[in-house]
Amino acid sequence: MWAIYEHRRVSKQLDNIPRDVLKKYEKWKDIVMISGPAGLKKIKGLHDECLSGDWKGFRSSRLNQQYRVIYKIEKDQILVQVVNVTPHDYRRK
């Protein structure tokens, strides 16, 4: 079983996203808690991928055509750290 830690700014971001994206995010969390990152790779619609540049070491999953969840895997703690749920804008803030 995987644990999910959400950065404190994620709760504010979730207040401002469309309802259908929020539902997809909740399903994303269910998949991660049950089967971890390997489960995300099996679902092609999520387009789970490694990021590069300023986001090196992080991963991204597609919630819809515009919104992405950006997260990092901490293997030693079996932890998924959600950093950002954002419209497709990967500039580091």
PDB file of N, CA and C in Angstrom:
ATOM      1  N   MET A   1       0.842  -1.182   0.000  1.00  0.00           N
ATOM      2  CA  MET A   1       0.000   0.000   0.000  1.00  0.00           C
ATOM      3  C   MET A   1       0.890   1.249   0.000  1.00  0.00           C
ATOM      4  N   TRP A   2       0.576   2.176  -0.859  1.00  0.00           N
ATOM      5  CA  TRP A   2       1.341   3.413  -1.002  1.00  0.00           C
ATOM      6  C   TRP A   2       0.655   4.541  -0.240  1.00  0.00           C
ATOM      7  N   ALA A   3       1.431   5.427   0.318  1.00  0.00           N
ATOM      8  CA  ALA A   3       0.901   6.616   0.997  1.00  0.00           C
ATOM      9  C   ALA A   3       1.054   7.809   0.057  1.00  0.00           C
ATOM     10  N   ILE A   4       0.088   8.714   0.101  1.00  0.00           N
ATOM     11  CA  ILE A   4       0.132   9.914  -0.736  1.00  0.00           C
ATOM     12  C   ILE A   4       0.205  11.128   0.175  1.00  0.00           C
ATOM     13  N   TYR A   5       1.221  11.934  -0.034  1.00  0.00           N
ATOM     14  CA  TYR A   5       1.379  13.188   0.686  1.00  0.00           C
ATOM     15  C   TYR A   5       1.132  14.315  -0.305  1.00  0.00           C
ATOM     16  N   GLU A   6       0.227  15.217   0.038  1.00  0.00           N
ATOM     17  CA  GLU A   6      -0.060  16.360  -0.826  1.00  0.00           C
ATOM     18  C   GLU A   6       0.566  17.615  -0.224  1.00  0.00           C
ATOM     19  N   HIS A   7       1.282  18.346  -1.028  1.00  0.00           N
ATOM     20  CA  HIS A   7       1.845  19.627  -0.594  1.00  0.00           C
ATOM     21  C   HIS A   7       0.694  20.537  -0.172  1.00  0.00           C
ATOM     22  N   ARG A   8       0.945  21.441   0.743  1.00  0.00           N
ATOM     23  CA  ARG A   8      -0.135  22.280   1.278  1.00  0.00           C
ATOM     24  C   ARG A   8      -0.793  23.164   0.221  1.00  0.00           C
ATOM     25  N   ARG A   9      -0.072  23.519  -0.828  1.00  0.00           N
ATOM     26  CA  ARG A   9      -0.682  24.347  -1.871  1.00  0.00           C
ATOM     27  C   ARG A   9      -1.636  23.555  -2.757  1.00  0.00           C
ATOM     28  N   VAL A  10      -1.536  22.221  -2.749  1.00  0.00           N
ATOM     29  CA  VAL A  10      -2.400  21.388  -3.586  1.00  0.00           C
ATOM     30  C   VAL A  10      -3.858  21.541  -3.171  1.00  0.00           C
ATOM     31  N   SER A  11      -4.131  21.630  -1.873  1.00  0.00           N
ATOM     32  CA  SER A  11      -5.526  21.782  -1.432  1.00  0.00           C
ATOM     33  C   SER A  11      -6.140  23.077  -1.957  1.00  0.00           C
ATOM     34  N   LYS A  12      -5.364  24.137  -2.040  1.00  0.00           N
ATOM     35  CA  LYS A  12      -5.849  25.397  -2.605  1.00  0.00           C
ATOM     36  C   LYS A  12      -6.091  25.258  -4.106  1.00  0.00           C
ATOM     37  N   GLN A  13      -5.201  24.539  -4.784  1.00  0.00           N
ATOM     38  CA  GLN A  13      -5.355  24.334  -6.215  1.00  0.00           C
ATOM     39  C   GLN A  13      -6.586  23.490  -6.518  1.00  0.00           C
ATOM     40  N   LEU A  14      -6.861  22.508  -5.662  1.00  0.00           N
ATOM     41  CA  LEU A  14      -8.017  21.640  -5.882  1.00  0.00           C
ATOM     42  C   LEU A  14      -9.338  22.385  -5.720  1.00  0.00           C
ATOM     43  N   ASP A  15      -9.343  23.465  -4.953  1.00  0.00           N
ATOM     44  CA  ASP A  15     -10.554  24.272  -4.795  1.00  0.00           C
ATOM     45  C   ASP A  15     -10.922  24.985  -6.090  1.00  0.00           C
ATOM     46  N   ASN A  16      -9.944  25.224  -6.956  1.00  0.00           N
ATOM     47  CA  ASN A  16     -10.164  26.029  -8.157  1.00  0.00           C
ATOM     48  C   ASN A  16     -10.243  25.228  -9.454  1.00  0.00           C
ATOM     49  N   ILE A  17     -10.172  23.900  -9.385  1.00  0.00           N
ATOM     50  CA  ILE A  17     -10.208  23.126 -10.618  1.00  0.00           C
ATOM     51  C   ILE A  17     -11.633  22.648 -10.899  1.00  0.00           C
ATOM     52  N   PRO A  18     -11.939  22.338 -12.159  1.00  0.00           N
ATOM     53  CA  PRO A  18     -13.271  21.846 -12.505  1.00  0.00           C
ATOM     54  C   PRO A  18     -13.589  20.525 -11.797  1.00  0.00           C
ATOM     55  N   ARG A  19     -14.874  20.287 -11.603  1.00  0.00           N
ATOM     56  CA  ARG A  19     -15.328  19.122 -10.850  1.00  0.00           C
ATOM     57  C   ARG A  19     -14.906  17.805 -11.505  1.00  0.00           C
ATOM     58  N   ASP A  20     -14.984  17.721 -12.838  1.00  0.00           N
ATOM     59  CA  ASP A  20     -14.599  16.477 -13.511  1.00  0.00           C
ATOM     60  C   ASP A  20     -13.109  16.177 -13.338  1.00  0.00           C
ATOM     61  N   VAL A  21     -12.292  17.209 -13.287  1.00  0.00           N
ATOM     62  CA  VAL A  21     -10.854  17.015 -13.051  1.00  0.00           C
ATOM     63  C   VAL A  21     -10.621  16.550 -11.619  1.00  0.00           C
ATOM     64  N   LEU A  22     -11.384  17.088 -10.683  1.00  0.00           N
ATOM     65  CA  LEU A  22     -11.263  16.671  -9.287  1.00  0.00           C
ATOM     66  C   LEU A  22     -11.623  15.189  -9.135  1.00  0.00           C
ATOM     67  N   LYS A  23     -12.657  14.733  -9.823  1.00  0.00           N
ATOM     68  CA  LYS A  23     -13.034  13.318  -9.778  1.00  0.00           C
ATOM     69  C   LYS A  23     -11.925  12.446 -10.358  1.00  0.00           C
ATOM     70  N   LYS A  24     -11.336  12.891 -11.447  1.00  0.00           N
ATOM     71  CA  LYS A  24     -10.247  12.137 -12.068  1.00  0.00           C
ATOM     72  C   LYS A  24      -9.034  12.081 -11.132  1.00  0.00           C
ATOM     73  N   TYR A  25      -8.771  13.184 -10.414  1.00  0.00           N
ATOM     74  CA  TYR A  25      -7.674  13.206  -9.455  1.00  0.00           C
ATOM     75  C   TYR A  25      -7.921  12.202  -8.322  1.00  0.00           C
ATOM     76  N   GLU A  26      -9.161  12.121  -7.853  1.00  0.00           N
ATOM     77  CA  GLU A  26      -9.494  11.158  -6.794  1.00  0.00           C
ATOM     78  C   GLU A  26      -9.282   9.721  -7.299  1.00  0.00           C
ATOM     79  N   LYS A  27      -9.645   9.442  -8.537  1.00  0.00           N
ATOM     80  CA  LYS A  27      -9.403   8.117  -9.120  1.00  0.00           C
ATOM     81  C   LYS A  27      -7.901   7.862  -9.247  1.00  0.00           C
ATOM     82  N   TRP A  28      -7.151   8.894  -9.635  1.00  0.00           N
ATOM     83  CA  TRP A  28      -5.695   8.778  -9.738  1.00  0.00           C
ATOM     84  C   TRP A  28      -5.110   8.376  -8.377  1.00  0.00           C
ATOM     85  N   LYS A  29      -5.589   9.022  -7.315  1.00  0.00           N
ATOM     86  CA  LYS A  29      -5.102   8.699  -5.970  1.00  0.00           C
ATOM     87  C   LYS A  29      -5.441   7.261  -5.587  1.00  0.00           C
ATOM     88  N   ASP A  30      -6.637   6.794  -5.950  1.00  0.00           N
ATOM     89  CA  ASP A  30      -7.018   5.406  -5.661  1.00  0.00           C
ATOM     90  C   ASP A  30      -6.078   4.423  -6.349  1.00  0.00           C
ATOM     91  N   ILE A  31      -5.768   4.692  -7.611  1.00  0.00           N
ATOM     92  CA  ILE A  31      -4.861   3.817  -8.362  1.00  0.00           C
ATOM     93  C   ILE A  31      -3.491   3.784  -7.699  1.00  0.00           C
ATOM     94  N   VAL A  32      -2.989   4.942  -7.304  1.00  0.00           N
ATOM     95  CA  VAL A  32      -1.663   5.024  -6.678  1.00  0.00           C
ATOM     96  C   VAL A  32      -1.643   4.293  -5.340  1.00  0.00           C
ATOM     97  N   MET A  33      -2.675   4.483  -4.527  1.00  0.00           N
ATOM     98  CA  MET A  33      -2.693   3.837  -3.206  1.00  0.00           C
ATOM     99  C   MET A  33      -2.730   2.317  -3.329  1.00  0.00           C
ATOM    100  N   ILE A  34      -3.429   1.802  -4.332  1.00  0.00           N
ATOM    101  CA  ILE A  34      -3.572   0.356  -4.473  1.00  0.00           C
ATOM    102  C   ILE A  34      -2.365  -0.273  -5.155  1.00  0.00           C
ATOM    103  N   SER A  35      -1.955   0.271  -6.301  1.00  0.00           N
ATOM    104  CA  SER A  35      -0.912  -0.401  -7.072  1.00  0.00           C
ATOM    105  C   SER A  35       0.337   0.429  -7.304  1.00  0.00           C
ATOM    106  N   GLY A  36       0.388   1.647  -6.801  1.00  0.00           N
ATOM    107  CA  GLY A  36       1.588   2.460  -6.924  1.00  0.00           C
ATOM    108  C   GLY A  36       1.814   2.966  -8.336  1.00  0.00           C
ATOM    109  N   PRO A  37       3.000   3.490  -8.594  1.00  0.00           N
ATOM    110  CA  PRO A  37       3.321   4.042  -9.913  1.00  0.00           C
ATOM    111  C   PRO A  37       3.223   3.020 -11.044  1.00  0.00           C
ATOM    112  N   ALA A  38       3.426   1.756 -10.744  1.00  0.00           N
ATOM    113  CA  ALA A  38       3.314   0.731 -11.786  1.00  0.00           C
ATOM    114  C   ALA A  38       1.889   0.676 -12.333  1.00  0.00           C
ATOM    115  N   GLY A  39       0.898   0.903 -11.501  1.00  0.00           N
ATOM    116  CA  GLY A  39      -0.486   0.923 -11.945  1.00  0.00           C
ATOM    117  C   GLY A  39      -0.780   2.084 -12.871  1.00  0.00           C
ATOM    118  N   LEU A  40      -0.111   3.213 -12.652  1.00  0.00           N
ATOM    119  CA  LEU A  40      -0.310   4.383 -13.514  1.00  0.00           C
ATOM    120  C   LEU A  40       0.230   4.133 -14.920  1.00  0.00           C
ATOM    121  N   LYS A  41       1.319   3.388 -15.009  1.00  0.00           N
ATOM    122  CA  LYS A  41       1.921   3.120 -16.309  1.00  0.00           C
ATOM    123  C   LYS A  41       1.044   2.209 -17.159  1.00  0.00           C
ATOM    124  N   LYS A  42       0.216   1.382 -16.526  1.00  0.00           N
ATOM    125  CA  LYS A  42      -0.639   0.452 -17.256  1.00  0.00           C
ATOM    126  C   LYS A  42      -1.843   1.137 -17.890  1.00  0.00           C
ATOM    127  N   ILE A  43      -2.221   2.306 -17.388  1.00  0.00           N
ATOM    128  CA  ILE A  43      -3.371   3.026 -17.915  1.00  0.00           C
ATOM    129  C   ILE A  43      -2.867   4.075 -18.901  1.00  0.00           C
ATOM    130  N   LYS A  44      -3.053   3.801 -20.178  1.00  0.00           N
ATOM    131  CA  LYS A  44      -2.482   4.666 -21.218  1.00  0.00           C
ATOM    132  C   LYS A  44      -3.097   6.060 -21.237  1.00  0.00           C
ATOM    133  N   GLY A  45      -4.337   6.222 -20.815  1.00  0.00           N
ATOM    134  CA  GLY A  45      -4.999   7.519 -20.839  1.00  0.00           C
ATOM    135  C   GLY A  45      -4.363   8.535 -19.909  1.00  0.00           C
ATOM    136  N   LEU A  46      -3.612   8.082 -18.917  1.00  0.00           N
ATOM    137  CA  LEU A  46      -2.969   8.996 -17.971  1.00  0.00           C
ATOM    138  C   LEU A  46      -1.659   9.563 -18.513  1.00  0.00           C
ATOM    139  N   HIS A  47      -1.081   8.918 -19.506  1.00  0.00           N
ATOM    140  CA  HIS A  47       0.177   9.383 -20.110  1.00  0.00           C
ATOM    141  C   HIS A  47       1.212   9.710 -19.036  1.00  0.00           C
ATOM    142  N   ASP A  48       1.426   8.777 -18.130  1.00  0.00           N
ATOM    143  CA  ASP A  48       2.400   8.967 -17.055  1.00  0.00           C
ATOM    144  C   ASP A  48       3.799   9.011 -17.652  1.00  0.00           C
ATOM    145  N   GLU A  49       4.568  10.071 -17.286  1.00  0.00           N
ATOM    146  CA  GLU A  49       5.892  10.250 -17.881  1.00  0.00           C
ATOM    147  C   GLU A  49       6.846  10.966 -16.936  1.00  0.00           C
ATOM    148  N   CYS A  50       8.135  10.763 -17.173  1.00  0.00           N
ATOM    149  CA  CYS A  50       9.176  11.485 -16.440  1.00  0.00           C
ATOM    150  C   CYS A  50       9.280  12.891 -17.008  1.00  0.00           C
ATOM    151  N   LEU A  51       9.593  13.840 -16.146  1.00  0.00           N
ATOM    152  CA  LEU A  51       9.796  15.215 -16.589  1.00  0.00           C
ATOM    153  C   LEU A  51      11.291  15.509 -16.656  1.00  0.00           C
ATOM    154  N   SER A  52      11.638  16.549 -17.386  1.00  0.00           N
ATOM    155  CA  SER A  52      13.048  16.921 -17.524  1.00  0.00           C
ATOM    156  C   SER A  52      13.212  18.410 -17.243  1.00  0.00           C
ATOM    157  N   GLY A  53      14.423  18.884 -17.360  1.00  0.00           N
ATOM    158  CA  GLY A  53      14.696  20.299 -17.120  1.00  0.00           C
ATOM    159  C   GLY A  53      14.608  20.631 -15.641  1.00  0.00           C
ATOM    160  N   ASP A  54      13.901  21.723 -15.321  1.00  0.00           N
ATOM    161  CA  ASP A  54      13.745  22.135 -13.925  1.00  0.00           C
ATOM    162  C   ASP A  54      12.989  21.099 -13.098  1.00  0.00           C
ATOM    163  N   TRP A  55      12.190  20.279 -13.747  1.00  0.00           N
ATOM    164  CA  TRP A  55      11.367  19.274 -13.064  1.00  0.00           C
ATOM    165  C   TRP A  55      12.011  17.894 -13.076  1.00  0.00           C
ATOM    166  N   LYS A  56      13.298  17.793 -13.319  1.00  0.00           N
ATOM    167  CA  LYS A  56      13.968  16.497 -13.342  1.00  0.00           C
ATOM    168  C   LYS A  56      13.791  15.797 -11.993  1.00  0.00           C
ATOM    169  N   GLY A  57      13.445  14.521 -12.040  1.00  0.00           N
ATOM    170  CA  GLY A  57      13.198  13.748 -10.823  1.00  0.00           C
ATOM    171  C   GLY A  57      11.719  13.667 -10.475  1.00  0.00           C
ATOM    172  N   PHE A  58      10.887  14.424 -11.173  1.00  0.00           N
ATOM    173  CA  PHE A  58       9.448  14.410 -10.955  1.00  0.00           C
ATOM    174  C   PHE A  58       8.766  13.672 -12.102  1.00  0.00           C
ATOM    175  N   ARG A  59       7.513  13.301 -11.891  1.00  0.00           N
ATOM    176  CA  ARG A  59       6.711  12.631 -12.915  1.00  0.00           C
ATOM    177  C   ARG A  59       5.414  13.406 -13.106  1.00  0.00           C
ATOM    178  N   SER A  60       4.751  13.171 -14.231  1.00  0.00           N
ATOM    179  CA  SER A  60       3.503  13.849 -14.552  1.00  0.00           C
ATOM    180  C   SER A  60       2.490  12.832 -15.063  1.00  0.00           C
ATOM    181  N   SER A  61       1.238  12.983 -14.643  1.00  0.00           N
ATOM    182  CA  SER A  61       0.131  12.187 -15.164  1.00  0.00           C
ATOM    183  C   SER A  61      -0.940  13.137 -15.670  1.00  0.00           C
ATOM    184  N   ARG A  62      -1.566  12.780 -16.760  1.00  0.00           N
ATOM    185  CA  ARG A  62      -2.589  13.616 -17.374  1.00  0.00           C
ATOM    186  C   ARG A  62      -3.951  13.324 -16.734  1.00  0.00           C
ATOM    187  N   LEU A  63      -4.600  14.374 -16.231  1.00  0.00           N
ATOM    188  CA  LEU A  63      -5.951  14.230 -15.684  1.00  0.00           C
ATOM    189  C   LEU A  63      -6.997  14.506 -16.758  1.00  0.00           C
ATOM    190  N   ASN A  64      -6.719  15.439 -17.623  1.00  0.00           N
ATOM    191  CA  ASN A  64      -7.502  15.673 -18.841  1.00  0.00           C
ATOM    192  C   ASN A  64      -6.568  16.345 -19.834  1.00  0.00           C
ATOM    193  N   GLN A  65      -7.112  16.885 -20.904  1.00  0.00           N
ATOM    194  CA  GLN A  65      -6.227  17.463 -21.919  1.00  0.00           C
ATOM    195  C   GLN A  65      -5.416  18.641 -21.381  1.00  0.00           C
ATOM    196  N   GLN A  66      -5.950  19.356 -20.404  1.00  0.00           N
ATOM    197  CA  GLN A  66      -5.274  20.537 -19.888  1.00  0.00           C
ATOM    198  C   GLN A  66      -4.562  20.295 -18.555  1.00  0.00           C
ATOM    199  N   TYR A  67      -5.183  19.589 -17.622  1.00  0.00           N
ATOM    200  CA  TYR A  67      -4.662  19.478 -16.261  1.00  0.00           C
ATOM    201  C   TYR A  67      -3.742  18.282 -16.078  1.00  0.00           C
ATOM    202  N   ARG A  68      -2.679  18.499 -15.299  1.00  0.00           N
ATOM    203  CA  ARG A  68      -1.705  17.464 -14.969  1.00  0.00           C
ATOM    204  C   ARG A  68      -1.508  17.426 -13.459  1.00  0.00           C
ATOM    205  N   VAL A  69      -1.153  16.250 -12.958  1.00  0.00           N
ATOM    206  CA  VAL A  69      -0.707  16.132 -11.579  1.00  0.00           C
ATOM    207  C   VAL A  69       0.792  15.855 -11.641  1.00  0.00           C
ATOM    208  N   ILE A  70       1.556  16.634 -10.905  1.00  0.00           N
ATOM    209  CA  ILE A  70       3.013  16.485 -10.868  1.00  0.00           C
ATOM    210  C   ILE A  70       3.363  15.907  -9.506  1.00  0.00           C
ATOM    211  N   TYR A  71       4.139  14.831  -9.527  1.00  0.00           N
ATOM    212  CA  TYR A  71       4.445  14.144  -8.276  1.00  0.00           C
ATOM    213  C   TYR A  71       5.865  13.589  -8.297  1.00  0.00           C
ATOM    214  N   LYS A  72       6.315  13.177  -7.120  1.00  0.00           N
ATOM    215  CA  LYS A  72       7.643  12.610  -6.952  1.00  0.00           C
ATOM    216  C   LYS A  72       7.502  11.332  -6.134  1.00  0.00           C
ATOM    217  N   ILE A  73       8.289  10.331  -6.468  1.00  0.00           N
ATOM    218  CA  ILE A  73       8.236   9.048  -5.767  1.00  0.00           C
ATOM    219  C   ILE A  73       9.408   8.962  -4.801  1.00  0.00           C
ATOM    220  N   GLU A  74       9.091   8.692  -3.550  1.00  0.00           N
ATOM    221  CA  GLU A  74      10.118   8.474  -2.523  1.00  0.00           C
ATOM    222  C   GLU A  74      10.124   6.978  -2.230  1.00  0.00           C
ATOM    223  N   LYS A  75      11.065   6.242  -2.810  1.00  0.00           N
ATOM    224  CA  LYS A  75      11.060   4.787  -2.720  1.00  0.00           C
ATOM    225  C   LYS A  75      11.356   4.263  -1.316  1.00  0.00           C
ATOM    226  N   ASP A  76      12.212   4.940  -0.588  1.00  0.00           N
ATOM    227  CA  ASP A  76      12.577   4.429   0.717  1.00  0.00           C
ATOM    228  C   ASP A  76      11.424   4.494   1.720  1.00  0.00           C
ATOM    229  N   GLN A  77      10.412   5.322   1.454  1.00  0.00           N
ATOM    230  CA  GLN A  77       9.282   5.457   2.368  1.00  0.00           C
ATOM    231  C   GLN A  77       7.969   4.963   1.758  1.00  0.00           C
ATOM    232  N   ILE A  78       8.011   4.435   0.544  1.00  0.00           N
ATOM    233  CA  ILE A  78       6.814   4.051  -0.198  1.00  0.00           C
ATOM    234  C   ILE A  78       5.814   5.199  -0.134  1.00  0.00           C
ATOM    235  N   LEU A  79       6.226   6.328  -0.656  1.00  0.00           N
ATOM    236  CA  LEU A  79       5.478   7.569  -0.557  1.00  0.00           C
ATOM    237  C   LEU A  79       5.404   8.237  -1.921  1.00  0.00           C
ATOM    238  N   VAL A  80       4.238   8.744  -2.249  1.00  0.00           N
ATOM    239  CA  VAL A  80       4.071   9.547  -3.458  1.00  0.00           C
ATOM    240  C   VAL A  80       3.776  10.966  -3.002  1.00  0.00           C
ATOM    241  N   GLN A  81       4.617  11.900  -3.370  1.00  0.00           N
ATOM    242  CA  GLN A  81       4.473  13.288  -2.955  1.00  0.00           C
ATOM    243  C   GLN A  81       3.899  14.100  -4.109  1.00  0.00           C
ATOM    244  N   VAL A  82       2.639  14.528  -3.975  1.00  0.00           N
ATOM    245  CA  VAL A  82       1.992  15.344  -5.000  1.00  0.00           C
ATOM    246  C   VAL A  82       2.426  16.785  -4.784  1.00  0.00           C
ATOM    247  N   VAL A  83       3.044  17.356  -5.803  1.00  0.00           N
ATOM    248  CA  VAL A  83       3.584  18.700  -5.705  1.00  0.00           C
ATOM    249  C   VAL A  83       2.631  19.723  -6.300  1.00  0.00           C
ATOM    250  N   ASN A  84       1.954  19.365  -7.374  1.00  0.00           N
ATOM    251  CA  ASN A  84       1.192  20.348  -8.116  1.00  0.00           C
ATOM    252  C   ASN A  84       0.076  19.682  -8.897  1.00  0.00           C
ATOM    253  N   VAL A  85      -1.107  20.304  -8.926  1.00  0.00           N
ATOM    254  CA  VAL A  85      -2.180  19.953  -9.846  1.00  0.00           C
ATOM    255  C   VAL A  85      -2.455  21.239 -10.601  1.00  0.00           C
ATOM    256  N   THR A  86      -2.074  21.265 -11.865  1.00  0.00           N
ATOM    257  CA  THR A  86      -2.032  22.533 -12.570  1.00  0.00           C
ATOM    258  C   THR A  86      -2.457  22.385 -14.019  1.00  0.00           C
ATOM    259  N   PRO A  87      -2.993  23.473 -14.603  1.00  0.00           N
ATOM    260  CA  PRO A  87      -3.166  23.455 -16.044  1.00  0.00           C
ATOM    261  C   PRO A  87      -1.783  23.396 -16.686  1.00  0.00           C
ATOM    262  N   HIS A  88      -1.627  22.696 -17.707  1.00  0.00           N
ATOM    263  CA  HIS A  88      -0.372  22.357 -18.379  1.00  0.00           C
ATOM    264  C   HIS A  88       0.609  23.536 -18.454  1.00  0.00           C
ATOM    265  N   ASP A  89       1.242  23.865 -17.326  1.00  0.00           N
ATOM    266  CA  ASP A  89       2.223  24.932 -17.254  1.00  0.00           C
ATOM    267  C   ASP A  89       3.335  24.458 -16.341  1.00  0.00           C
ATOM    268  N   TYR A  90       4.435  23.982 -16.878  1.00  0.00           N
ATOM    269  CA  TYR A  90       5.482  23.364 -16.101  1.00  0.00           C
ATOM    270  C   TYR A  90       6.568  24.321 -15.636  1.00  0.00           C
ATOM    271  N   ARG A  91       6.328  25.607 -15.747  1.00  0.00           N
ATOM    272  CA  ARG A  91       7.329  26.548 -15.229  1.00  0.00           C
ATOM    273  C   ARG A  91       7.393  26.417 -13.725  1.00  0.00           C
ATOM    274  N   ARG A  92       8.572  26.337 -13.206  1.00  0.00           N
ATOM    275  CA  ARG A  92       8.778  26.163 -11.762  1.00  0.00           C
ATOM    276  C   ARG A  92       8.440  27.456 -11.053  1.00  0.00           C
ATOM    277  N   LYS A  93       7.657  27.399  -9.999  1.00  0.00           N
ATOM    278  CA  LYS A  93       7.245  28.607  -9.262  1.00  0.00           C
ATOM    279  C   LYS A  93       7.795  28.607  -7.875  1.00  0.00           C
TER     280      LYS A  93
END
